[in-house]
Amino acid sequence: MDSTLAAEASVSSDGKLVIFVAHIRGRAVQCSITREALERHFWAPIGANEARLLKAYTDGHNRIAAAVERRMLRAPDESIKLNAADFSH
């Protein structure tokens, strides 16, 4: 599956998610990854500020893209919210 994560991402107003768009098979899919996943699996410090969360997202781009692709295979018509369990294998 060919997917591309948008270079631009943002942190949700409550600080619990990084929100981004994945372009998969010509479709734009709304996605997010939890703060917990970034802290547990992508070296974001606990309580990190917005800039550090976005850096962890950028640094983890390849692993996050792979997780998005796996989720799309299971539920192709839904938005995707990645959490720590998506990286615990």
Protein backbone atom coordinates (compact mmCIF):
# COMPACT_ATOMS: atom_id res chain seq x y z
CA MET A 1 0.00 0.00 0.00
CA ASP A 2 1.37 3.42 -0.88
CA SER A 3 0.81 6.08 1.77
CA THR A 4 2.21 9.50 2.49
CA LEU A 5 1.84 11.39 5.75
CA ALA A 6 1.30 15.11 5.44
CA ALA A 7 4.32 17.13 6.48
CA GLU A 8 2.06 19.40 8.50
CA ALA A 9 0.69 18.16 11.79
CA SER A 10 -0.86 19.88 14.77
CA VAL A 11 -1.45 19.18 18.42
CA SER A 12 -5.06 18.97 19.57
CA SER A 13 -6.35 21.74 21.83
CA ASP A 14 -6.25 19.43 24.85
CA GLY A 15 -2.67 18.34 24.03
CA LYS A 16 -3.54 14.63 23.94
CA LEU A 17 -3.21 14.01 20.18
CA VAL A 18 -1.05 14.92 17.22
CA ILE A 19 -3.40 15.27 14.26
CA PHE A 20 -2.29 14.70 10.66
CA VAL A 21 -3.55 13.60 7.26
CA ALA A 22 -2.42 10.48 5.43
CA HIS A 23 -2.80 10.22 1.69
CA ILE A 24 -3.55 6.59 0.87
CA ARG A 25 -4.52 5.31 -2.57
CA GLY A 26 -5.57 8.78 -3.66
CA ARG A 27 -7.66 9.40 -0.52
CA ALA A 28 -7.00 11.84 2.29
CA VAL A 29 -7.60 10.14 5.65
CA GLN A 30 -7.80 12.07 8.92
CA CYS A 31 -5.40 10.51 11.43
CA SER A 32 -4.05 11.08 14.89
CA ILE A 33 -1.55 9.56 17.29
CA THR A 34 -1.88 9.81 21.06
CA ARG A 35 0.55 11.64 23.30
CA GLU A 36 0.94 8.38 25.22
CA ALA A 37 2.13 6.55 22.09
CA LEU A 38 4.66 9.30 21.35
CA GLU A 39 5.91 9.21 24.95
CA ARG A 40 6.14 5.41 25.16
CA HIS A 41 7.46 4.58 21.69
CA PHE A 42 8.92 7.74 20.11
CA TRP A 43 11.03 9.33 22.84
CA ALA A 44 8.75 12.28 23.59
CA PRO A 45 9.34 13.28 27.21
CA ILE A 46 6.36 12.95 29.53
CA GLY A 47 4.61 16.32 29.62
CA ALA A 48 6.45 17.48 26.49
CA ASN A 49 5.49 20.79 24.95
CA GLU A 50 3.85 21.07 21.53
CA ALA A 51 7.13 21.51 19.65
CA ARG A 52 8.64 18.38 21.19
CA LEU A 53 5.52 16.29 20.43
CA LEU A 54 5.65 17.40 16.80
CA LYS A 55 9.36 16.55 16.64
CA ALA A 56 8.65 13.05 17.95
CA TYR A 57 5.95 12.68 15.28
CA THR A 58 8.36 13.83 12.56
CA ASP A 59 11.18 11.61 13.81
CA GLY A 60 8.86 8.59 13.91
CA HIS A 61 7.43 9.22 10.45
CA ASN A 62 8.29 5.81 8.94
CA ARG A 63 6.94 3.74 11.85
CA ILE A 64 3.81 5.89 12.07
CA ALA A 65 3.20 5.53 8.32
CA ALA A 66 3.54 1.74 8.61
CA ALA A 67 1.01 1.67 11.47
CA VAL A 68 -1.41 3.81 9.44
CA GLU A 69 -1.13 1.35 6.55
CA ARG A 70 -1.83 -1.63 8.82
CA ARG A 71 -4.91 0.09 10.25
CA MET A 72 -6.16 0.98 6.76
CA LEU A 73 -6.03 -2.69 5.78
CA ARG A 74 -8.33 -3.54 8.72
CA ALA A 75 -10.75 -0.61 8.42
CA PRO A 76 -10.35 1.22 5.11
CA ASP A 77 -13.33 3.55 5.50
CA GLU A 78 -12.57 5.03 8.90
CA SER A 79 -10.41 7.78 10.34
CA ILE A 80 -7.40 6.43 12.21
CA LYS A 81 -6.41 7.06 15.82
CA LEU A 82 -3.12 5.37 16.69
CA ASN A 83 -2.37 4.57 20.29
CA ALA A 84 0.46 2.89 22.20
CA ALA A 85 -0.94 -0.60 21.49
CA ASP A 86 -0.37 -0.04 17.75
CA PHE A 87 3.39 -0.04 18.41
CA SER A 88 3.61 -2.80 21.04
CA HIS A 89 4.41 -5.76 18.82
